Amino acid sequence: MRHPFLAGAAVALATAVLAACGSPDGSGDGGAKATAAAGGTPSAAAVASPAPSAARTTAPGPRRPSSTPKAPAGDVTPATGSFTKKQKEYLTDRVPKGMDPAAVLQTGQETCDRLRYLVKADRGIAVAAIVSGEVADAKPAVTHLCPRHQDLVDEAALGYADGTHKGAGLRPGRYRAPSPTKACSWQVAGADGKELESGSSGTGEQVEITVARSARTFTSTGCYAWLPQGDN
């Protein structure tokens, strides 16, 4: 099940995006050019579409390259209007052959719009949404379309999603789960599986843990995402 805050935020964001795109000054991160290139206002259904579940049994692996042939960079042109340099950079190697590049651009723009909404509501939730995968493919969208949110992506890279983390994936330090579910539980184990720290929370309120330098495994369930504390 999606995180309840993100589910509600998606509905509110759909309304906000449609209103922003209808304004004469194009107040979204991509501005009027992105909206024009996409051939209209962003789809509310796309913004509010279900995202991957926050609860995982294993840590998410690297995204595998798509096997769908991509259109050459020179063929990435909109049916009407033109793309900016940054928009073209975002679209490079991302547009499947036969697909309207404006539709791919719209997906990236909706990612930026969603982050813009979330960071206004709660910055920690915005970072956690990237960590958990609720906001997917945030890195390329932020790099090329809304670099103002780069700090969110940088912090998310140091966090943990629900799952099991071990070996090189462990970074010692203090972490907090800003919006855990009421079924949040965790365990930090050392060599030979010796428990170093564990706990659970049924309140849905923020919790904190310490991943010790001697830790070998960190498992989290129902906690949504763990973010590094400032002193890590």
C-alpha atoms as a PDB file:
ATOM      1  CA  MET A   1       0.000   0.000   0.000  1.00  0.00           C
ATOM      2  CA  ARG A   2       1.216   3.493  -0.806  1.00  0.00           C
ATOM      3  CA  HIS A   3       2.251   5.746   2.030  1.00  0.00           C
ATOM      4  CA  PRO A   4      -0.932   7.590   3.185  1.00  0.00           C
ATOM      5  CA  PHE A   5       0.684  11.026   3.005  1.00  0.00           C
ATOM      6  CA  LEU A   6       1.802  10.444  -0.587  1.00  0.00           C
ATOM      7  CA  ALA A   7      -1.622   9.127  -1.568  1.00  0.00           C
ATOM      8  CA  GLY A   8      -3.269  12.313  -0.311  1.00  0.00           C
ATOM      9  CA  ALA A   9      -0.531  14.476  -1.754  1.00  0.00           C
ATOM     10  CA  ALA A  10      -1.037  13.006  -5.216  1.00  0.00           C
ATOM     11  CA  VAL A  11      -4.663  14.134  -5.255  1.00  0.00           C
ATOM     12  CA  ALA A  12      -3.798  17.629  -4.063  1.00  0.00           C
ATOM     13  CA  LEU A  13      -0.895  17.846  -6.502  1.00  0.00           C
ATOM     14  CA  ALA A  14      -3.097  16.897  -9.429  1.00  0.00           C
ATOM     15  CA  THR A  15      -5.292  19.914  -8.712  1.00  0.00           C
ATOM     16  CA  ALA A  16      -2.297  22.200  -8.123  1.00  0.00           C
ATOM     17  CA  VAL A  17      -0.545  21.143 -11.342  1.00  0.00           C
ATOM     18  CA  LEU A  18      -3.613  21.734 -13.462  1.00  0.00           C
ATOM     19  CA  ALA A  19      -4.090  25.158 -11.917  1.00  0.00           C
ATOM     20  CA  ALA A  20      -0.419  26.116 -12.374  1.00  0.00           C
ATOM     21  CA  CYS A  21      -0.330  24.966 -15.973  1.00  0.00           C
ATOM     22  CA  GLY A  22      -3.355  27.092 -16.718  1.00  0.00           C
ATOM     23  CA  SER A  23      -1.684  30.251 -15.421  1.00  0.00           C
ATOM     24  CA  PRO A  24      -0.229  32.673 -17.964  1.00  0.00           C
ATOM     25  CA  ASP A  25       3.251  32.706 -16.451  1.00  0.00           C
ATOM     26  CA  GLY A  26       3.807  28.921 -16.276  1.00  0.00           C
ATOM     27  CA  SER A  27       4.688  28.701 -12.587  1.00  0.00           C
ATOM     28  CA  GLY A  28       5.851  25.047 -12.647  1.00  0.00           C
ATOM     29  CA  ASP A  29       9.541  24.154 -12.480  1.00  0.00           C
ATOM     30  CA  GLY A  30       9.675  23.533 -16.219  1.00  0.00           C
ATOM     31  CA  GLY A  31       7.787  26.733 -17.077  1.00  0.00           C
ATOM     32  CA  ALA A  32       5.590  27.416 -20.080  1.00  0.00           C
ATOM     33  CA  LYS A  33       8.076  25.965 -22.598  1.00  0.00           C
ATOM     34  CA  ALA A  34       7.868  22.488 -21.092  1.00  0.00           C
ATOM     35  CA  THR A  35       4.068  22.610 -21.052  1.00  0.00           C
ATOM     36  CA  ALA A  36       3.924  23.784 -24.663  1.00  0.00           C
ATOM     37  CA  ALA A  37       6.399  21.115 -25.775  1.00  0.00           C
ATOM     38  CA  ALA A  38       4.313  18.456 -24.047  1.00  0.00           C
ATOM     39  CA  GLY A  39       1.322  19.517 -26.085  1.00  0.00           C
ATOM     40  CA  GLY A  40      -0.946  20.525 -23.175  1.00  0.00           C
ATOM     41  CA  THR A  41      -1.368  20.378 -19.437  1.00  0.00           C
ATOM     42  CA  PRO A  42       0.057  17.458 -17.457  1.00  0.00           C
ATOM     43  CA  SER A  43      -2.303  14.543 -16.929  1.00  0.00           C
ATOM     44  CA  ALA A  44      -3.835  14.444 -13.454  1.00  0.00           C
ATOM     45  CA  ALA A  45      -4.154  10.685 -13.770  1.00  0.00           C
ATOM     46  CA  ALA A  46      -0.429  10.374 -14.449  1.00  0.00           C
ATOM     47  CA  VAL A  47       0.455  12.478 -11.396  1.00  0.00           C
ATOM     48  CA  ALA A  48      -1.830  10.477  -9.141  1.00  0.00           C
ATOM     49  CA  SER A  49      -1.004   7.050 -10.608  1.00  0.00           C
ATOM     50  CA  PRO A  50       0.037   4.356  -8.109  1.00  0.00           C
ATOM     51  CA  ALA A  51       3.740   4.217  -7.316  1.00  0.00           C
ATOM     52  CA  PRO A  52       5.796   1.255  -6.055  1.00  0.00           C
ATOM     53  CA  SER A  53       4.974   0.086  -2.543  1.00  0.00           C
ATOM     54  CA  ALA A  54       7.119   1.586   0.192  1.00  0.00           C
ATOM     55  CA  ALA A  55       7.384  -1.761   1.983  1.00  0.00           C
ATOM     56  CA  ARG A  56       9.997  -4.075   0.475  1.00  0.00           C
ATOM     57  CA  THR A  57      11.568  -7.299   1.665  1.00  0.00           C
ATOM     58  CA  THR A  58      14.902  -6.516   0.037  1.00  0.00           C
ATOM     59  CA  ALA A  59      16.711  -3.334  -0.858  1.00  0.00           C
ATOM     60  CA  PRO A  60      15.882  -2.089  -4.370  1.00  0.00           C
ATOM     61  CA  GLY A  61      18.495  -3.052  -6.937  1.00  0.00           C
ATOM     62  CA  PRO A  62      19.860  -0.911  -9.765  1.00  0.00           C
ATOM     63  CA  ARG A  63      17.447  -0.124 -12.582  1.00  0.00           C
ATOM     64  CA  ARG A  64      18.092  -2.377 -15.579  1.00  0.00           C
ATOM     65  CA  PRO A  65      18.473  -0.675 -18.953  1.00  0.00           C
ATOM     66  CA  SER A  66      15.323  -0.918 -21.048  1.00  0.00           C
ATOM     67  CA  SER A  67      15.563  -3.296 -24.007  1.00  0.00           C
ATOM     68  CA  THR A  68      13.230  -1.064 -26.048  1.00  0.00           C
ATOM     69  CA  PRO A  69      15.190   0.632 -28.873  1.00  0.00           C
ATOM     70  CA  LYS A  70      15.601   4.373 -28.276  1.00  0.00           C
ATOM     71  CA  ALA A  71      15.223   7.064 -30.897  1.00  0.00           C
ATOM     72  CA  PRO A  72      18.487   8.773 -31.946  1.00  0.00           C
ATOM     73  CA  ALA A  73      19.037  12.141 -30.275  1.00  0.00           C
ATOM     74  CA  GLY A  74      18.577  13.920 -33.603  1.00  0.00           C
ATOM     75  CA  ASP A  75      15.078  12.473 -33.951  1.00  0.00           C
ATOM     76  CA  VAL A  76      13.876  13.793 -30.594  1.00  0.00           C
ATOM     77  CA  THR A  77      11.752  16.723 -31.745  1.00  0.00           C
ATOM     78  CA  PRO A  78       8.238  17.756 -30.691  1.00  0.00           C
ATOM     79  CA  ALA A  79       5.308  17.772 -33.094  1.00  0.00           C
ATOM     80  CA  THR A  80       4.995  21.513 -32.490  1.00  0.00           C
ATOM     81  CA  GLY A  81       7.295  24.084 -30.917  1.00  0.00           C
ATOM     82  CA  SER A  82      10.802  23.230 -29.765  1.00  0.00           C
ATOM     83  CA  PHE A  83      12.663  21.783 -26.799  1.00  0.00           C
ATOM     84  CA  THR A  84      15.119  23.729 -24.677  1.00  0.00           C
ATOM     85  CA  LYS A  85      18.714  22.498 -24.344  1.00  0.00           C
ATOM     86  CA  LYS A  86      18.036  21.019 -20.901  1.00  0.00           C
ATOM     87  CA  GLN A  87      14.880  19.303 -22.105  1.00  0.00           C
ATOM     88  CA  LYS A  88      16.813  17.725 -24.986  1.00  0.00           C
ATOM     89  CA  GLU A  89      19.472  16.531 -22.535  1.00  0.00           C
ATOM     90  CA  TYR A  90      16.772  14.916 -20.382  1.00  0.00           C
ATOM     91  CA  LEU A  91      15.222  13.197 -23.401  1.00  0.00           C
ATOM     92  CA  THR A  92      18.502  11.814 -24.801  1.00  0.00           C
ATOM     93  CA  ASP A  93      18.370   7.988 -24.738  1.00  0.00           C
ATOM     94  CA  ARG A  94      15.004   8.085 -22.952  1.00  0.00           C
ATOM     95  CA  VAL A  95      12.510   8.155 -25.841  1.00  0.00           C
ATOM     96  CA  PRO A  96      11.480   4.731 -27.201  1.00  0.00           C
ATOM     97  CA  LYS A  97      11.211   4.611 -30.986  1.00  0.00           C
ATOM     98  CA  GLY A  98       7.740   5.533 -32.114  1.00  0.00           C
ATOM     99  CA  MET A  99       6.844   7.403 -28.920  1.00  0.00           C
ATOM    100  CA  ASP A 100       6.084  11.113 -28.797  1.00  0.00           C
ATOM    101  CA  PRO A 101       9.071  12.696 -26.972  1.00  0.00           C
ATOM    102  CA  ALA A 102       6.706  15.274 -25.472  1.00  0.00           C
ATOM    103  CA  ALA A 103       5.021  12.464 -23.518  1.00  0.00           C
ATOM    104  CA  VAL A 104       8.375  11.430 -22.027  1.00  0.00           C
ATOM    105  CA  LEU A 105       9.141  15.047 -21.173  1.00  0.00           C
ATOM    106  CA  GLN A 106       5.758  15.339 -19.488  1.00  0.00           C
ATOM    107  CA  THR A 107       6.652  12.455 -17.178  1.00  0.00           C
ATOM    108  CA  GLY A 108       9.839  14.243 -16.077  1.00  0.00           C
ATOM    109  CA  GLN A 109       7.980  17.497 -15.598  1.00  0.00           C
ATOM    110  CA  GLU A 110       5.354  15.793 -13.442  1.00  0.00           C
ATOM    111  CA  THR A 111       8.175  14.410 -11.290  1.00  0.00           C
ATOM    112  CA  CYS A 112       9.439  17.969 -10.770  1.00  0.00           C
ATOM    113  CA  ASP A 113       5.926  19.226 -10.025  1.00  0.00           C
ATOM    114  CA  ARG A 114       5.423  16.484  -7.460  1.00  0.00           C
ATOM    115  CA  LEU A 115       8.694  17.257  -5.697  1.00  0.00           C
ATOM    116  CA  ARG A 116       7.852  20.948  -5.680  1.00  0.00           C
ATOM    117  CA  TYR A 117       4.553  20.210  -3.960  1.00  0.00           C
ATOM    118  CA  LEU A 118       6.015  17.748  -1.455  1.00  0.00           C
ATOM    119  CA  VAL A 119       8.928  19.949  -0.396  1.00  0.00           C
ATOM    120  CA  LYS A 120       6.505  22.770   0.386  1.00  0.00           C
ATOM    121  CA  ALA A 121       4.448  20.415   2.543  1.00  0.00           C
ATOM    122  CA  ASP A 122       7.351  18.669   4.322  1.00  0.00           C
ATOM    123  CA  ARG A 123      10.953  18.479   3.126  1.00  0.00           C
ATOM    124  CA  GLY A 124      11.621  15.216   4.962  1.00  0.00           C
ATOM    125  CA  ILE A 125       8.647  13.586   3.252  1.00  0.00           C
ATOM    126  CA  ALA A 126       9.948  14.778  -0.125  1.00  0.00           C
ATOM    127  CA  VAL A 127      13.349  13.161   0.465  1.00  0.00           C
ATOM    128  CA  ALA A 128      11.733   9.993   1.823  1.00  0.00           C
ATOM    129  CA  ALA A 129       9.551   9.754  -1.290  1.00  0.00           C
ATOM    130  CA  ILE A 130      12.696   9.641  -3.437  1.00  0.00           C
ATOM    131  CA  VAL A 131      14.392   7.100  -1.154  1.00  0.00           C
ATOM    132  CA  SER A 132      11.378   4.775  -1.132  1.00  0.00           C
ATOM    133  CA  GLY A 133      10.706   5.006  -4.857  1.00  0.00           C
ATOM    134  CA  GLU A 134       7.327   6.737  -4.466  1.00  0.00           C
ATOM    135  CA  VAL A 135       8.827   9.435  -6.701  1.00  0.00           C
ATOM    136  CA  ALA A 136      10.620   7.386  -9.339  1.00  0.00           C
ATOM    137  CA  ASP A 137      13.450   8.518 -11.646  1.00  0.00           C
ATOM    138  CA  ALA A 138      13.912  11.714  -9.665  1.00  0.00           C
ATOM    139  CA  LYS A 139      17.635  12.043 -10.403  1.00  0.00           C
ATOM    140  CA  PRO A 140      17.471  12.623 -14.198  1.00  0.00           C
ATOM    141  CA  ALA A 141      14.410  14.845 -13.902  1.00  0.00           C
ATOM    142  CA  VAL A 142      16.065  17.007 -11.253  1.00  0.00           C
ATOM    143  CA  THR A 143      19.404  17.160 -13.079  1.00  0.00           C
ATOM    144  CA  HIS A 144      17.926  18.497 -16.309  1.00  0.00           C
ATOM    145  CA  LEU A 145      14.502  19.949 -15.524  1.00  0.00           C
ATOM    146  CA  CYS A 146      14.438  21.201 -11.917  1.00  0.00           C
ATOM    147  CA  PRO A 147      17.998  21.483 -10.517  1.00  0.00           C
ATOM    148  CA  ARG A 148      16.676  23.532  -7.592  1.00  0.00           C
ATOM    149  CA  HIS A 149      15.790  20.171  -5.990  1.00  0.00           C
ATOM    150  CA  GLN A 150      19.298  18.697  -6.275  1.00  0.00           C
ATOM    151  CA  ASP A 151      19.721  18.818  -2.489  1.00  0.00           C
ATOM    152  CA  LEU A 152      16.779  16.412  -2.119  1.00  0.00           C
ATOM    153  CA  VAL A 153      18.362  13.880  -4.482  1.00  0.00           C
ATOM    154  CA  ASP A 154      21.765  14.210  -2.793  1.00  0.00           C
ATOM    155  CA  GLU A 155      20.277  13.520   0.639  1.00  0.00           C
ATOM    156  CA  ALA A 156      18.121  10.676  -0.648  1.00  0.00           C
ATOM    157  CA  ALA A 157      21.246   8.939  -1.994  1.00  0.00           C
ATOM    158  CA  LEU A 158      22.417   8.548   1.614  1.00  0.00           C
ATOM    159  CA  GLY A 159      19.144   7.124   2.943  1.00  0.00           C
ATOM    160  CA  TYR A 160      17.677   3.632   3.262  1.00  0.00           C
ATOM    161  CA  ALA A 161      14.414   2.318   1.857  1.00  0.00           C
ATOM    162  CA  ASP A 162      12.580  -0.526   3.571  1.00  0.00           C
ATOM    163  CA  GLY A 163      14.377  -3.792   2.950  1.00  0.00           C
ATOM    164  CA  THR A 164      17.581  -5.578   3.922  1.00  0.00           C
ATOM    165  CA  HIS A 165      20.871  -3.739   3.535  1.00  0.00           C
ATOM    166  CA  LYS A 166      24.284  -5.313   4.049  1.00  0.00           C
ATOM    167  CA  GLY A 167      27.958  -5.075   3.168  1.00  0.00           C
ATOM    168  CA  ALA A 168      28.955  -2.039   1.139  1.00  0.00           C
ATOM    169  CA  GLY A 169      25.359  -0.787   1.329  1.00  0.00           C
ATOM    170  CA  LEU A 170      25.738   0.010   5.039  1.00  0.00           C
ATOM    171  CA  ARG A 171      26.733   3.492   6.195  1.00  0.00           C
ATOM    172  CA  PRO A 172      27.190   3.972   9.940  1.00  0.00           C
ATOM    173  CA  GLY A 173      25.486   6.904  11.625  1.00  0.00           C
ATOM    174  CA  ARG A 174      22.191   8.211  12.982  1.00  0.00           C
ATOM    175  CA  TYR A 175      19.052   7.893  10.872  1.00  0.00           C
ATOM    176  CA  ARG A 176      15.411   8.879  11.252  1.00  0.00           C
ATOM    177  CA  ALA A 177      12.209   7.621   9.689  1.00  0.00           C
ATOM    178  CA  PRO A 178      10.159  10.828   9.310  1.00  0.00           C
ATOM    179  CA  SER A 179       6.842   9.167   8.512  1.00  0.00           C
ATOM    180  CA  PRO A 180       6.794   5.439   9.343  1.00  0.00           C
ATOM    181  CA  THR A 181       3.658   3.348   9.055  1.00  0.00           C
ATOM    182  CA  LYS A 182       2.087   1.915  12.202  1.00  0.00           C
ATOM    183  CA  ALA A 183       3.716  -1.427  11.381  1.00  0.00           C
ATOM    184  CA  CYS A 184       7.300  -0.102  11.407  1.00  0.00           C
ATOM    185  CA  SER A 185       9.992  -2.450  12.739  1.00  0.00           C
ATOM    186  CA  TRP A 186      13.759  -2.653  12.342  1.00  0.00           C
ATOM    187  CA  GLN A 187      16.848  -4.618  13.321  1.00  0.00           C
ATOM    188  CA  VAL A 188      20.554  -3.849  13.132  1.00  0.00           C
ATOM    189  CA  ALA A 189      22.804  -6.911  13.409  1.00  0.00           C
ATOM    190  CA  GLY A 190      26.537  -7.387  13.661  1.00  0.00           C
ATOM    191  CA  ALA A 191      28.860 -10.283  12.919  1.00  0.00           C
ATOM    192  CA  ASP A 192      27.274 -13.741  13.168  1.00  0.00           C
ATOM    193  CA  GLY A 193      23.838 -12.116  13.234  1.00  0.00           C
ATOM    194  CA  LYS A 194      24.264 -10.712  16.737  1.00  0.00           C
ATOM    195  CA  GLU A 195      21.546  -8.133  17.352  1.00  0.00           C
ATOM    196  CA  LEU A 196      22.883  -4.637  17.988  1.00  0.00           C
ATOM    197  CA  GLU A 197      19.610  -2.720  17.932  1.00  0.00           C
ATOM    198  CA  SER A 198      15.972  -3.442  17.166  1.00  0.00           C
ATOM    199  CA  GLY A 199      12.591  -1.954  17.752  1.00  0.00           C
ATOM    200  CA  SER A 200       9.138  -1.219  16.445  1.00  0.00           C
ATOM    201  CA  SER A 201       6.679   1.645  16.436  1.00  0.00           C
ATOM    202  CA  GLY A 202       2.919   1.484  16.191  1.00  0.00           C
ATOM    203  CA  THR A 203       2.339   5.223  16.471  1.00  0.00           C
ATOM    204  CA  GLY A 204       3.314   6.411  12.995  1.00  0.00           C
ATOM    205  CA  GLU A 205       5.478   9.102  14.580  1.00  0.00           C
ATOM    206  CA  GLN A 206       9.123   9.770  13.691  1.00  0.00           C
ATOM    207  CA  VAL A 207      11.671   7.287  15.066  1.00  0.00           C
ATOM    208  CA  GLU A 208      15.471   7.275  15.150  1.00  0.00           C
ATOM    209  CA  ILE A 209      18.110   4.544  15.062  1.00  0.00           C
ATOM    210  CA  THR A 210      21.877   4.178  15.085  1.00  0.00           C
ATOM    211  CA  VAL A 211      23.695   2.026  12.540  1.00  0.00           C
ATOM    212  CA  ALA A 212      26.917   1.166  14.359  1.00  0.00           C
ATOM    213  CA  ARG A 213      30.263   0.754  12.615  1.00  0.00           C
ATOM    214  CA  SER A 214      30.188  -2.907  13.652  1.00  0.00           C
ATOM    215  CA  ALA A 215      26.845  -3.454  11.868  1.00  0.00           C
ATOM    216  CA  ARG A 216      26.726  -6.015   9.089  1.00  0.00           C
ATOM    217  CA  THR A 217      22.996  -6.059   8.333  1.00  0.00           C
ATOM    218  CA  PHE A 218      20.173  -3.528   8.645  1.00  0.00           C
ATOM    219  CA  THR A 219      16.596  -4.661   8.051  1.00  0.00           C
ATOM    220  CA  SER A 220      13.568  -2.384   7.966  1.00  0.00           C
ATOM    221  CA  THR A 221       9.887  -3.163   7.374  1.00  0.00           C
ATOM    222  CA  GLY A 222       7.008  -0.712   7.243  1.00  0.00           C
ATOM    223  CA  CYS A 223       9.208   2.266   8.108  1.00  0.00           C
ATOM    224  CA  TYR A 224       8.986   3.710   4.575  1.00  0.00           C
ATOM    225  CA  ALA A 225      12.396   5.425   4.464  1.00  0.00           C
ATOM    226  CA  TRP A 226      15.299   6.323   6.731  1.00  0.00           C
ATOM    227  CA  LEU A 227      17.103   9.649   6.266  1.00  0.00           C
ATOM    228  CA  PRO A 228      20.576  10.550   7.541  1.00  0.00           C
ATOM    229  CA  GLN A 229      20.827  12.935  10.470  1.00  0.00           C
ATOM    230  CA  GLY A 230      22.867  16.088   9.994  1.00  0.00           C
ATOM    231  CA  ASP A 231      25.756  14.851  12.138  1.00  0.00           C
ATOM    232  CA  ASN A 232      26.438  11.702  10.026  1.00  0.00           C
END
